[in-house]
Protein backbone atom coordinates (compact mmCIF):
# COMPACT_ATOMS: atom_id res chain seq x y z
CA MET A 1 22.87 3.04 -5.88
CA LYS A 2 19.27 2.92 -4.74
CA ASP A 3 16.87 0.02 -5.32
CA ASN A 4 13.14 0.41 -5.09
CA LEU A 5 10.63 -2.35 -4.41
CA ASN A 6 7.15 -1.63 -5.66
CA ILE A 7 3.99 -3.63 -4.96
CA LYS A 8 1.06 -3.04 -7.25
CA GLY A 9 -2.45 -4.39 -6.95
CA THR A 10 -4.80 -5.09 -9.84
CA VAL A 11 -8.31 -6.51 -9.40
CA PHE A 12 -10.01 -8.56 -12.12
CA LEU A 13 -13.77 -8.99 -11.74
CA LYS A 14 -15.75 -11.53 -13.76
CA LEU A 15 -19.56 -11.33 -13.51
CA GLU A 16 -21.42 -14.33 -14.89
CA LYS A 17 -25.11 -13.61 -15.37
CA LYS A 18 -27.88 -16.19 -15.22
CA ASP A 19 -28.51 -15.75 -18.97
CA GLY A 20 -24.87 -16.77 -19.68
CA SER A 21 -23.55 -13.34 -20.46
CA VAL A 22 -20.22 -12.34 -18.90
CA VAL A 23 -18.96 -8.91 -17.88
CA ASN A 24 -15.29 -8.34 -17.06
CA LYS A 25 -13.78 -5.35 -15.32
CA THR A 26 -10.17 -4.53 -14.36
CA ILE A 27 -9.36 -1.99 -11.63
CA GLU A 28 -6.03 -0.74 -10.30
CA ASN A 29 -5.98 -0.37 -6.55
CA ILE A 30 -3.85 1.04 -3.76
CA ILE A 31 -1.85 -0.76 -1.15
CA VAL A 32 -2.85 0.94 2.13
CA ASN A 33 -0.33 1.75 4.88
CA THR A 34 -1.18 -1.32 6.95
CA GLY A 35 -0.76 -3.41 3.78
CA LYS A 36 2.68 -1.96 3.07
CA GLU A 37 3.76 -2.81 6.62
CA PHE A 38 2.24 -6.31 6.27
CA PHE A 39 4.07 -7.05 3.00
CA ALA A 40 7.38 -5.59 4.34
CA LYS A 41 7.15 -8.04 7.25
CA GLN A 42 6.66 -10.89 4.74
CA ILE A 43 9.57 -9.80 2.60
CA PHE A 44 11.88 -9.65 5.61
CA ASN A 45 10.51 -12.96 7.01
CA ASP A 46 9.27 -11.33 10.20
CA SER A 47 7.61 -13.87 12.50
CA THR A 48 4.54 -11.62 12.86
CA ALA A 49 4.06 -11.35 9.07
CA GLY A 50 0.72 -13.18 8.89
CA THR A 51 -1.07 -14.42 5.77
CA VAL A 52 -3.43 -13.07 3.10
CA THR A 53 -6.77 -14.65 3.93
CA GLN A 54 -9.87 -12.88 2.60
CA ILE A 55 -11.51 -10.69 0.00
CA GLY A 56 -14.44 -8.46 0.75
CA ILE A 57 -17.05 -6.60 -1.25
CA GLY A 58 -19.02 -3.58 -0.11
CA LYS A 59 -21.09 -0.63 -1.27
CA ASP A 60 -19.02 2.34 0.03
CA ASP A 61 -17.76 4.38 -2.96
CA THR A 62 -15.73 6.84 -0.81
CA ALA A 63 -12.38 7.26 -2.56
CA GLN A 64 -9.69 4.92 -1.31
CA VAL A 65 -6.75 6.45 0.52
CA VAL A 66 -3.56 4.90 1.98
CA GLY A 67 -4.86 5.60 5.51
CA ASN A 68 -7.88 3.21 5.11
CA THR A 69 -8.04 0.50 7.80
CA ILE A 70 -9.85 -2.72 8.41
CA THR A 71 -12.04 -0.95 10.94
CA SER A 72 -13.35 1.52 8.36
CA PHE A 73 -14.11 -1.32 5.95
CA LYS A 74 -15.71 -3.83 8.39
CA THR A 75 -17.73 -1.37 10.44
CA ALA A 76 -19.63 0.30 7.62
CA THR A 77 -22.66 2.01 9.08
CA THR A 78 -24.64 1.61 5.88
CA ASP A 79 -27.06 -1.25 5.22
CA PRO A 80 -25.92 -3.64 3.87
CA GLY A 81 -22.52 -4.03 5.44
CA PRO A 82 -19.66 -5.68 3.52
CA ILE A 83 -19.46 -9.37 2.68
CA ILE A 84 -16.09 -11.02 3.44
CA LYS A 85 -15.10 -14.47 2.18
CA ASN A 86 -12.04 -16.66 2.55
CA ILE A 87 -9.60 -16.87 -0.35
CA GLU A 88 -9.90 -20.04 -2.38
CA SER A 89 -6.40 -21.47 -2.08
CA PHE A 90 -7.11 -24.07 -4.83
CA ASN A 91 -7.66 -21.21 -7.34
CA SER A 92 -4.86 -18.89 -6.10
CA SER A 93 -1.36 -19.14 -7.47
CA ILE A 94 2.03 -17.60 -8.04
CA GLU A 95 2.47 -16.40 -11.65
CA THR A 96 5.74 -16.47 -13.54
CA ILE A 97 6.17 -13.62 -15.96
CA GLY A 98 9.31 -13.54 -18.11
CA GLY A 99 10.96 -16.19 -15.99
CA ILE A 100 10.39 -14.24 -12.76
CA GLU A 101 7.93 -15.32 -10.08
CA ASN A 102 6.76 -11.83 -9.24
CA GLN A 103 2.99 -12.06 -9.25
CA ILE A 104 0.54 -13.79 -7.00
CA ASP A 105 -3.22 -14.12 -7.60
CA PHE A 106 -5.73 -14.41 -4.74
CA VAL A 107 -9.15 -15.64 -5.90
CA THR A 108 -12.58 -15.59 -4.19
CA THR A 109 -15.95 -16.39 -5.69
CA PHE A 110 -19.26 -14.71 -4.62
CA TYR A 111 -21.92 -17.25 -5.65
CA ASP A 112 -25.46 -16.99 -6.88
CA THR A 113 -26.99 -16.77 -3.40
CA ALA A 114 -28.51 -14.06 -1.24
CA ALA A 115 -25.72 -14.52 1.30
CA ASP A 116 -23.13 -13.54 -1.40
CA THR A 117 -25.14 -10.56 -2.68
CA LEU A 118 -25.26 -7.05 -1.17
CA LEU A 119 -28.86 -6.96 0.08
CA ASP A 120 -30.16 -4.50 2.64
CA ALA A 121 -32.70 -5.27 5.41
CA GLY A 122 -35.57 -4.73 2.91
CA ASN A 123 -33.97 -7.31 0.57
CA ASN A 124 -33.05 -4.57 -1.94
CA LYS A 125 -29.93 -5.26 -4.08
CA HIS A 126 -26.95 -2.84 -4.01
CA GLU A 127 -24.05 -2.53 -6.46
CA ILE A 128 -20.55 -3.60 -5.51
CA LYS A 129 -18.67 -0.34 -5.22
CA GLU A 130 -15.63 -1.34 -3.15
CA LEU A 131 -13.28 -4.29 -2.75
CA ALA A 132 -10.88 -5.14 0.02
CA LEU A 133 -7.93 -7.59 0.30
CA ILE A 134 -7.56 -8.67 3.89
CA GLY A 135 -4.79 -10.45 5.83
CA LEU A 136 -4.56 -12.02 9.20
CA SER A 137 -1.70 -10.74 11.32
CA GLY A 138 0.77 -13.10 12.86
CA ASP A 139 0.73 -11.09 16.09
CA SER A 140 -0.89 -12.34 19.24
CA PRO A 141 -3.82 -11.92 19.31
CA GLN A 142 -4.26 -12.34 15.60
CA GLU A 143 -6.24 -9.57 13.93
CA ASP A 144 -7.58 -8.82 10.48
CA VAL A 145 -5.49 -6.31 8.56
CA LEU A 146 -6.63 -4.28 5.50
CA LEU A 147 -3.99 -4.79 2.82
CA CYS A 148 -5.55 -3.20 -0.28
CA ARG A 149 -8.75 -1.36 -1.08
CA THR A 150 -10.27 -0.17 -4.30
CA THR A 151 -13.45 1.66 -5.21
CA PHE A 152 -15.14 2.11 -8.51
CA GLY A 153 -15.65 5.87 -8.09
CA SER A 154 -18.79 7.79 -7.27
CA GLY A 155 -21.86 6.61 -9.14
CA VAL A 156 -20.13 3.62 -10.72
CA GLY A 157 -20.67 0.10 -9.47
CA PHE A 158 -20.76 -3.56 -10.44
CA ASP A 159 -24.25 -4.88 -10.50
CA LYS A 160 -24.53 -8.41 -8.96
CA ALA A 161 -27.95 -9.99 -8.58
CA THR A 162 -28.65 -13.05 -6.40
CA THR A 163 -28.67 -15.16 -9.57
CA ASP A 164 -25.14 -14.01 -10.63
CA VAL A 165 -21.71 -15.25 -9.79
CA VAL A 166 -18.78 -12.85 -9.33
CA THR A 167 -15.18 -14.08 -9.26
CA VAL A 168 -12.67 -11.63 -7.83
CA THR A 169 -8.99 -12.17 -8.72
CA TRP A 170 -6.66 -9.90 -6.82
CA ARG A 171 -3.19 -9.82 -8.40
CA LEU A 172 -0.20 -8.42 -6.55
CA THR A 173 2.82 -7.67 -8.68
CA ILE A 174 6.26 -6.98 -7.08
CA ASN A 175 8.82 -5.11 -9.18
């Protein structure tokens, strides 16, 4: 007998425009190799497991691959670089589906400010084209770890102005 444990990531984006209109988008994502290792440590209660801590947005639409790392996300050479924010623990939760607690939602909000909008040095707005779920390792010294990454595909983005609010909900499902 062989049992498999699968972890799937789904991202739900909610864009609230200044005029009151709302745009929703759902994207499936990949768990990168460093994320698989991170979650395996959590499942087996490894003391270096760490915690899920942040969500980031960026403008790189290069296709996601399992070999993506935190370095490739954080050190983007394009202007603007990514914006990374802490997860809102008061909005994040474990979901029970069919009597099984097998989903967890991590939530972060990017508010209607310039600091939460992808603006380059010339103050030009850029679409959100990538998202990252980031953890903090339990190793010493602690380091950021890329857990999941998703992109919208070439030429497709999510348009957030400085007057808009984007809520990112990252759902991990374990089957």
